[in-house]
């Protein structure tokens, strides 16, 4: 057996085939799979584990994978290396770290109730706010491309002339977009990931699943505070927090109080741009996030327009399906993810030689959730 093949065996690429007891189809996302527990198991765990949620709250097991997506496609490597070693554990470790700091600093809770394994979250069902809450501290990426072509207004916010690529913005910008396809909102196209203005949200707050118009202020407050917490902590390890995405939702606690929480993941290399501080001060951008992988793909394929042009999506999907990437490319991303994770949490990330079996053992013995 080749070294690459042994490495491939440690990667959790398929995470939707676990025999976790559920009455529903497994939701298989780009990186995570969600197993909704039966009402009986949810109620039992809430009682046994003393979770601060409503007694009848639906719970789920969320299992991360080592898959890597970019440009809306899942990519794979040679010799069966169908993910990035250590990526899943790194993402969860980083999110867990930030969620803990948010709670300790009085910001808001998250959807996570317990972390039984580095690849696993036990979560409560949240009613999501239908907004991808994006905030930007530097002008780069798609925003720079638009700015360089003359655009000066982003999500209703006008910005000044004279900015340079990768420059720090005068203030933190909130540039939200739609989460999913929303219908019947005046001026908002019925498509996923459409940029929107704060005015759109205010005039149609219920369509975005806000309970009341005042919660828009709360969402922006939590977004800014969460960004500041992460940015300040990254500054302590000389890393630059460039931009990120937050998601929010509503849950009800054991006392029947509804509250707005953080959900999905926060401050990870998948959802954020992070730059190396010393290199940035020298005028060079060194990515510590998935942006590094995107740039590798753009350089690797002879026609990068396939990756950038949404009208060529069938070609892009074929590119991802038919091309096994070099092991060296995926291992470079592994080093980036594990490296930034270990800087953030201050210790090595726990890795596993057989993550799937470990997950089954824990969920069976400690939680009685395996059939």
Protein backbone atom coordinates (compact mmCIF):
# COMPACT_ATOMS: atom_id res chain seq x y z
CA UNK A 1 0.00 0.00 0.00
CA UNK A 2 1.38 3.41 -0.98
CA UNK A 3 1.98 6.21 1.58
CA UNK A 4 -0.71 8.26 -0.17
CA UNK A 5 -3.20 5.43 0.18
CA UNK A 6 -2.50 5.12 3.90
CA UNK A 7 -2.95 8.87 4.18
CA UNK A 8 -6.25 8.62 2.29
CA UNK A 9 -7.52 6.11 4.86
CA UNK A 10 -7.24 8.75 7.61
CA UNK A 11 -9.40 11.24 5.70
CA UNK A 12 -13.11 11.37 6.47
CA UNK A 13 -14.44 12.07 2.98
CA UNK A 14 -17.86 10.38 3.27
CA UNK A 15 -19.84 11.40 6.35
CA UNK A 16 -23.46 10.74 5.34
CA UNK A 17 -23.39 6.95 5.76
CA UNK A 18 -23.17 6.59 9.55
CA UNK A 19 -25.81 4.35 11.17
CA UNK A 20 -27.06 7.13 13.46
CA UNK A 21 -30.69 6.56 14.42
CA UNK A 22 -32.91 8.98 12.50
CA UNK A 23 -36.34 9.08 10.88
CA UNK A 24 -35.28 11.63 8.27
CA UNK A 25 -33.03 11.72 5.26
CA UNK A 26 -29.48 12.78 6.06
CA UNK A 27 -28.79 16.34 4.95
CA UNK A 28 -25.48 16.25 3.12
CA UNK A 29 -23.81 19.63 2.74
CA UNK A 30 -20.56 20.52 1.03
CA UNK A 31 -18.58 19.82 4.20
CA UNK A 32 -20.99 18.74 6.98
CA UNK A 33 -23.73 16.12 7.16
CA UNK A 34 -26.68 16.52 9.53
CA UNK A 35 -28.55 13.64 11.15
CA UNK A 36 -31.81 14.78 12.77
CA UNK A 37 -32.49 12.63 15.81
CA UNK A 38 -35.85 11.05 16.54
CA UNK A 39 -38.11 13.04 18.89
CA UNK A 40 -37.59 10.32 21.50
CA UNK A 41 -33.79 10.52 21.33
CA UNK A 42 -33.86 14.32 21.33
CA UNK A 43 -36.04 14.44 24.44
CA UNK A 44 -33.88 11.80 26.16
CA UNK A 45 -30.62 13.64 25.51
CA UNK A 46 -32.07 16.99 26.61
CA UNK A 47 -33.06 15.40 29.92
CA UNK A 48 -29.93 13.27 30.41
CA UNK A 49 -27.41 15.90 29.35
CA UNK A 50 -29.24 18.89 30.91
CA UNK A 51 -29.18 20.97 27.74
CA UNK A 52 -30.60 24.49 28.11
CA UNK A 53 -33.21 24.07 25.40
CA UNK A 54 -36.95 23.49 25.22
CA UNK A 55 -37.90 19.94 26.27
CA UNK A 56 -39.25 19.18 22.79
CA UNK A 57 -36.48 20.88 20.81
CA UNK A 58 -35.28 18.90 17.77
CA UNK A 59 -31.61 17.94 18.05
CA UNK A 60 -29.16 16.76 15.42
CA UNK A 61 -25.75 15.17 15.12
CA UNK A 62 -23.61 17.27 12.81
CA UNK A 63 -20.56 15.46 11.41
CA UNK A 64 -17.86 17.40 9.61
CA UNK A 65 -15.75 15.90 6.86
CA UNK A 66 -12.32 16.55 5.36
CA UNK A 67 -13.83 17.35 1.95
CA UNK A 68 -12.81 20.62 0.36
CA UNK A 69 -15.10 22.74 -1.79
CA UNK A 70 -14.17 25.75 -3.87
CA UNK A 71 -15.96 27.54 -6.69
CA UNK A 72 -19.11 25.57 -5.72
CA UNK A 73 -17.48 22.19 -6.43
CA UNK A 74 -15.99 19.38 -4.34
CA UNK A 75 -12.38 18.56 -5.28
CA UNK A 76 -10.39 15.36 -4.86
CA UNK A 77 -6.77 14.23 -5.06
CA UNK A 78 -4.79 11.43 -6.58
CA UNK A 79 -4.71 7.86 -5.25
CA UNK A 80 -8.01 8.14 -3.40
CA UNK A 81 -7.13 11.23 -1.39
CA UNK A 82 -10.69 12.56 -1.35
CA UNK A 83 -10.16 15.32 1.19
CA UNK A 84 -7.59 17.36 3.08
CA UNK A 85 -6.02 15.54 6.06
CA UNK A 86 -6.83 17.35 9.29
CA UNK A 87 -9.15 19.89 7.69
CA UNK A 88 -12.35 18.84 9.46
CA UNK A 89 -10.77 18.70 12.90
CA UNK A 90 -9.10 22.07 12.30
CA UNK A 91 -12.37 23.76 11.29
CA UNK A 92 -14.26 22.43 14.28
CA UNK A 93 -11.46 23.31 16.70
CA UNK A 94 -11.35 26.90 15.43
CA UNK A 95 -15.14 27.36 15.54
CA UNK A 96 -15.30 25.84 19.02
CA UNK A 97 -12.63 28.27 20.20
CA UNK A 98 -14.44 31.36 18.90
CA UNK A 99 -17.88 30.21 20.10
CA UNK A 100 -16.43 29.74 23.60
CA UNK A 101 -14.94 33.24 23.58
CA UNK A 102 -18.25 34.69 22.39
CA UNK A 103 -20.04 33.09 25.34
CA UNK A 104 -17.37 34.12 27.84
CA UNK A 105 -17.50 37.72 26.63
CA UNK A 106 -21.29 37.85 26.77
CA UNK A 107 -22.04 38.10 23.06
CA UNK A 108 -24.45 35.24 22.29
CA UNK A 109 -24.75 31.48 22.35
CA UNK A 110 -24.36 29.16 19.36
CA UNK A 111 -26.35 26.20 18.09
CA UNK A 112 -23.77 23.77 19.56
CA UNK A 113 -24.85 21.93 22.72
CA UNK A 114 -22.00 19.43 23.08
CA UNK A 115 -18.82 18.33 21.30
CA UNK A 116 -18.44 14.55 21.78
CA UNK A 117 -15.66 14.16 19.18
CA UNK A 118 -13.41 16.54 17.19
CA UNK A 119 -15.52 15.82 14.10
CA UNK A 120 -18.93 15.97 15.80
CA UNK A 121 -21.30 18.59 17.18
CA UNK A 122 -24.62 17.93 18.89
CA UNK A 123 -26.75 20.90 17.84
CA UNK A 124 -30.21 22.29 18.40
CA UNK A 125 -32.50 23.21 15.54
CA UNK A 126 -32.50 26.93 14.85
CA UNK A 127 -34.80 29.01 12.69
CA UNK A 128 -32.22 30.65 10.43
CA UNK A 129 -32.10 34.28 9.48
CA UNK A 130 -31.98 34.14 5.69
CA UNK A 131 -28.90 36.33 5.37
CA UNK A 132 -25.25 35.59 4.73
CA UNK A 133 -23.83 38.23 7.05
CA UNK A 134 -20.55 39.21 5.39
CA UNK A 135 -18.23 41.82 6.86
CA UNK A 136 -15.06 43.19 5.35
CA UNK A 137 -12.11 44.96 6.96
CA UNK A 138 -9.91 45.05 3.82
CA UNK A 139 -10.70 45.54 0.14
CA UNK A 140 -9.78 42.40 -1.75
CA UNK A 141 -11.30 39.53 -3.72
CA UNK A 142 -14.62 40.15 -5.47
CA UNK A 143 -15.02 43.55 -3.86
CA UNK A 144 -11.68 44.71 -5.23
CA UNK A 145 -12.49 43.35 -8.68
CA UNK A 146 -15.72 45.37 -8.73
CA UNK A 147 -14.03 48.46 -7.28
CA UNK A 148 -11.24 48.32 -9.86
CA UNK A 149 -13.90 48.41 -12.58
CA UNK A 150 -15.37 51.59 -11.16
CA UNK A 151 -18.01 50.43 -8.67
CA UNK A 152 -18.20 52.64 -5.57
CA UNK A 153 -21.41 51.39 -3.94
CA UNK A 154 -21.65 48.01 -2.21
CA UNK A 155 -24.91 46.85 -0.64
CA UNK A 156 -26.03 50.48 -0.49
CA UNK A 157 -22.79 51.69 1.12
CA UNK A 158 -20.74 54.24 -0.81
CA UNK A 159 -16.97 54.06 -0.44
CA UNK A 160 -14.29 56.53 -1.34
CA UNK A 161 -12.06 56.76 -4.40
CA UNK A 162 -8.34 56.11 -4.24
CA UNK A 163 -8.27 52.78 -2.43
CA UNK A 164 -5.58 50.26 -3.35
CA UNK A 165 -5.82 46.48 -3.56
CA UNK A 166 -5.64 44.74 -0.16
CA UNK A 167 -5.80 48.07 1.70
CA UNK A 168 -7.54 48.33 5.06
CA UNK A 169 -10.93 50.00 4.69
CA UNK A 170 -11.76 53.18 6.60
CA UNK A 171 -14.35 51.21 8.58
CA UNK A 172 -15.72 47.68 8.84
CA UNK A 173 -18.25 47.14 6.06
CA UNK A 174 -21.33 44.92 6.39
CA UNK A 175 -22.20 43.60 2.93
CA UNK A 176 -25.03 41.07 3.35
CA UNK A 177 -26.40 38.71 0.74
CA UNK A 178 -29.36 36.36 0.56
CA UNK A 179 -29.16 32.89 2.06
CA UNK A 180 -31.13 30.72 -0.34
CA UNK A 181 -33.70 31.89 -2.87
CA UNK A 182 -36.14 34.40 -1.39
CA UNK A 183 -39.30 35.24 -3.30
CA UNK A 184 -41.56 38.26 -3.38
CA UNK A 185 -39.11 40.84 -2.00
CA UNK A 186 -39.26 44.05 -4.07
CA UNK A 187 -35.94 44.81 -5.75
CA UNK A 188 -34.29 41.55 -4.64
CA UNK A 189 -33.75 39.01 -7.45
CA UNK A 190 -35.05 35.51 -6.74
CA UNK A 191 -31.61 33.89 -6.64
CA UNK A 192 -29.18 32.61 -4.04
CA UNK A 193 -26.32 34.78 -2.82
CA UNK A 194 -27.65 38.12 -4.07
CA UNK A 195 -26.22 41.27 -2.49
CA UNK A 196 -28.80 43.25 -0.51
CA UNK A 197 -29.02 46.60 1.24
CA UNK A 198 -29.88 47.24 4.86
CA UNK A 199 -32.95 49.07 3.55
CA UNK A 200 -34.10 45.84 1.85
CA UNK A 201 -33.86 44.05 5.19
CA UNK A 202 -35.64 46.79 7.13
CA UNK A 203 -38.58 46.97 4.72
CA UNK A 204 -38.94 43.17 4.50
CA UNK A 205 -37.56 41.94 7.83
CA UNK A 206 -40.12 39.14 8.17
CA UNK A 207 -39.19 37.75 4.74
CA UNK A 208 -35.60 37.43 6.00
CA UNK A 209 -36.98 35.61 9.07
CA UNK A 210 -36.33 38.35 11.62
CA UNK A 211 -38.90 38.30 14.42
CA UNK A 212 -38.98 42.08 14.75
CA UNK A 213 -37.33 45.00 13.01
CA UNK A 214 -35.25 45.79 16.12
CA UNK A 215 -33.45 42.47 15.72
CA UNK A 216 -31.67 43.88 12.67
CA UNK A 217 -29.73 46.14 15.06
CA UNK A 218 -28.99 43.14 17.29
CA UNK A 219 -27.74 41.05 14.37
CA UNK A 220 -25.42 43.87 13.29
CA UNK A 221 -24.23 44.35 16.88
CA UNK A 222 -23.40 40.63 17.24
CA UNK A 223 -21.74 40.65 13.84
CA UNK A 224 -19.48 43.59 14.70
CA UNK A 225 -18.71 42.29 18.19
CA UNK A 226 -17.95 38.81 16.89
CA UNK A 227 -15.70 40.23 14.21
CA UNK A 228 -13.87 42.38 16.76
CA UNK A 229 -13.32 39.46 19.14
CA UNK A 230 -11.78 37.33 16.40
CA UNK A 231 -9.80 40.21 14.87
CA UNK A 232 -8.32 41.16 18.25
CA UNK A 233 -7.37 37.58 19.10
CA UNK A 234 -5.81 37.00 15.69
CA UNK A 235 -3.86 40.22 16.17
CA UNK A 236 -2.27 38.70 19.28
CA UNK A 237 -0.75 35.97 17.08
CA UNK A 238 0.14 38.48 14.34
CA UNK A 239 -2.51 37.36 11.86
CA UNK A 240 -4.85 39.68 9.96
CA UNK A 241 -8.61 39.09 9.95
CA UNK A 242 -9.58 40.29 6.47
CA UNK A 243 -13.24 39.35 5.99
CA UNK A 244 -15.69 36.70 7.10
CA UNK A 245 -19.23 35.36 6.99
CA UNK A 246 -21.57 34.95 9.96
CA UNK A 247 -24.93 33.22 10.11
CA UNK A 248 -27.62 33.70 12.73
CA UNK A 249 -30.79 31.95 13.86
CA UNK A 250 -33.39 31.82 16.61
CA UNK A 251 -33.71 29.16 19.31
CA UNK A 252 -35.79 28.79 22.47
CA UNK A 253 -34.15 28.01 25.81
CA UNK A 254 -35.44 25.82 28.64
CA UNK A 255 -37.31 28.80 30.13
CA UNK A 256 -39.17 29.41 26.88
CA UNK A 257 -37.19 32.53 25.95
CA UNK A 258 -36.43 32.98 22.28
CA UNK A 259 -32.96 34.31 21.50
CA UNK A 260 -30.78 35.13 18.51
CA UNK A 261 -27.66 32.97 18.29
CA UNK A 262 -24.63 32.37 16.08
CA UNK A 263 -24.88 29.28 13.91
CA UNK A 264 -22.94 27.34 11.26
CA UNK A 265 -19.20 28.02 11.74
CA UNK A 266 -17.31 31.20 12.62
CA UNK A 267 -13.87 32.59 11.91
CA UNK A 268 -12.58 29.52 10.08
CA UNK A 269 -10.33 29.29 7.01
CA UNK A 270 -13.41 28.12 5.10
CA UNK A 271 -15.62 31.09 6.00
CA UNK A 272 -12.99 33.82 6.30
CA UNK A 273 -9.87 35.32 4.80
CA UNK A 274 -6.88 35.41 7.14
CA UNK A 275 -3.50 36.86 6.17
CA UNK A 276 -0.09 36.43 7.72
CA UNK A 277 0.71 39.69 9.56
CA UNK A 278 4.49 39.97 9.05
CA UNK A 279 4.16 39.25 5.32
CA UNK A 280 1.35 41.79 4.92
CA UNK A 281 3.46 44.50 6.52
CA UNK A 282 6.15 43.72 3.94
CA UNK A 283 3.64 44.23 1.14
CA UNK A 284 2.98 40.55 0.41
CA UNK A 285 -0.27 38.67 0.97
CA UNK A 286 0.14 35.13 2.34
CA UNK A 287 -3.25 33.45 2.65
CA UNK A 288 -4.03 31.37 5.74
CA UNK A 289 -7.41 30.26 4.48
CA UNK A 290 -9.21 28.53 1.63
CA UNK A 291 -8.34 31.48 -0.58
CA UNK A 292 -4.91 29.85 -0.93
CA UNK A 293 -6.58 26.78 -2.46
CA UNK A 294 -8.69 28.91 -4.79
CA UNK A 295 -5.56 30.61 -6.07
CA UNK A 296 -3.88 27.23 -6.54
CA UNK A 297 -6.80 26.06 -8.66
CA UNK A 298 -6.75 29.24 -10.76
CA UNK A 299 -3.06 28.72 -11.42
CA UNK A 300 -3.32 24.96 -11.98
CA UNK A 301 -5.89 24.91 -14.78
CA UNK A 302 -5.07 26.54 -18.13
CA UNK A 303 -8.47 28.29 -18.44
CA UNK A 304 -9.27 29.93 -15.08
CA UNK A 305 -12.38 31.55 -16.56
CA UNK A 306 -14.12 28.18 -16.10
CA UNK A 307 -13.74 28.65 -12.34
CA UNK A 308 -14.80 32.29 -12.30
CA UNK A 309 -17.62 32.32 -14.84
CA UNK A 310 -20.93 31.03 -13.45
CA UNK A 311 -22.20 30.58 -17.00
CA UNK A 312 -19.64 27.77 -17.42
CA UNK A 313 -20.83 25.76 -14.44
CA UNK A 314 -21.19 22.45 -16.35
CA UNK A 315 -17.55 22.73 -17.47
CA UNK A 316 -16.49 23.57 -13.94
CA UNK A 317 -18.28 20.55 -12.51
CA UNK A 318 -16.60 18.34 -15.09
CA UNK A 319 -13.24 19.85 -14.19
CA UNK A 320 -13.71 18.95 -10.53
CA UNK A 321 -15.06 15.48 -11.31
CA UNK A 322 -12.47 14.44 -13.88
CA UNK A 323 -9.25 15.87 -12.41
CA UNK A 324 -7.47 14.32 -9.44
CA UNK A 325 -5.35 17.07 -7.92
CA UNK A 326 -1.71 16.43 -6.96
CA UNK A 327 -1.17 15.18 -3.42
CA UNK A 328 1.24 18.07 -2.82
CA UNK A 329 -1.53 20.60 -3.43
CA UNK A 330 -3.86 19.07 -0.85
CA UNK A 331 -1.05 18.57 1.65
CA UNK A 332 -0.13 22.25 1.38
CA UNK A 333 -3.73 23.14 2.28
CA UNK A 334 -3.56 20.64 5.16
CA UNK A 335 -0.50 22.42 6.54
CA UNK A 336 -2.24 25.79 6.20
CA UNK A 337 -5.41 24.68 8.01
CA UNK A 338 -3.62 22.82 10.78
CA UNK A 339 -1.07 25.60 11.17
CA UNK A 340 -3.59 28.41 11.63
CA UNK A 341 -5.76 26.20 13.87
CA UNK A 342 -2.85 25.43 16.18
CA UNK A 343 -1.92 29.12 16.35
CA UNK A 344 -5.49 30.04 17.26
CA UNK A 345 -6.21 27.36 19.88
CA UNK A 346 -2.64 27.31 21.24
CA UNK A 347 -2.11 23.56 20.99
CA UNK A 348 -1.91 20.79 18.37
CA UNK A 349 -5.18 19.75 16.72
CA UNK A 350 -6.33 16.27 17.73
CA UNK A 351 -6.12 13.99 14.70
CA UNK A 352 -7.41 10.48 14.24
CA UNK A 353 -6.27 7.46 12.28
CA UNK A 354 -9.83 6.16 12.02
CA UNK A 355 -12.28 9.00 12.72
CA UNK A 356 -15.39 7.18 11.53
CA UNK A 357 -14.92 4.28 13.95
CA UNK A 358 -14.19 6.67 16.82
CA UNK A 359 -17.41 8.56 16.11
CA UNK A 360 -19.44 5.36 16.04
CA UNK A 361 -17.91 4.15 19.31
CA UNK A 362 -18.65 7.41 21.16
CA UNK A 363 -22.18 7.86 19.82
CA UNK A 364 -22.95 4.24 20.66
CA UNK A 365 -21.44 3.93 24.11
CA UNK A 366 -22.04 7.41 25.52
CA UNK A 367 -25.18 8.52 23.71
CA UNK A 368 -26.95 5.31 22.54
CA UNK A 369 -27.62 6.74 19.08
CA UNK A 370 -26.30 3.95 16.84
CA UNK A 371 -28.61 1.27 15.44
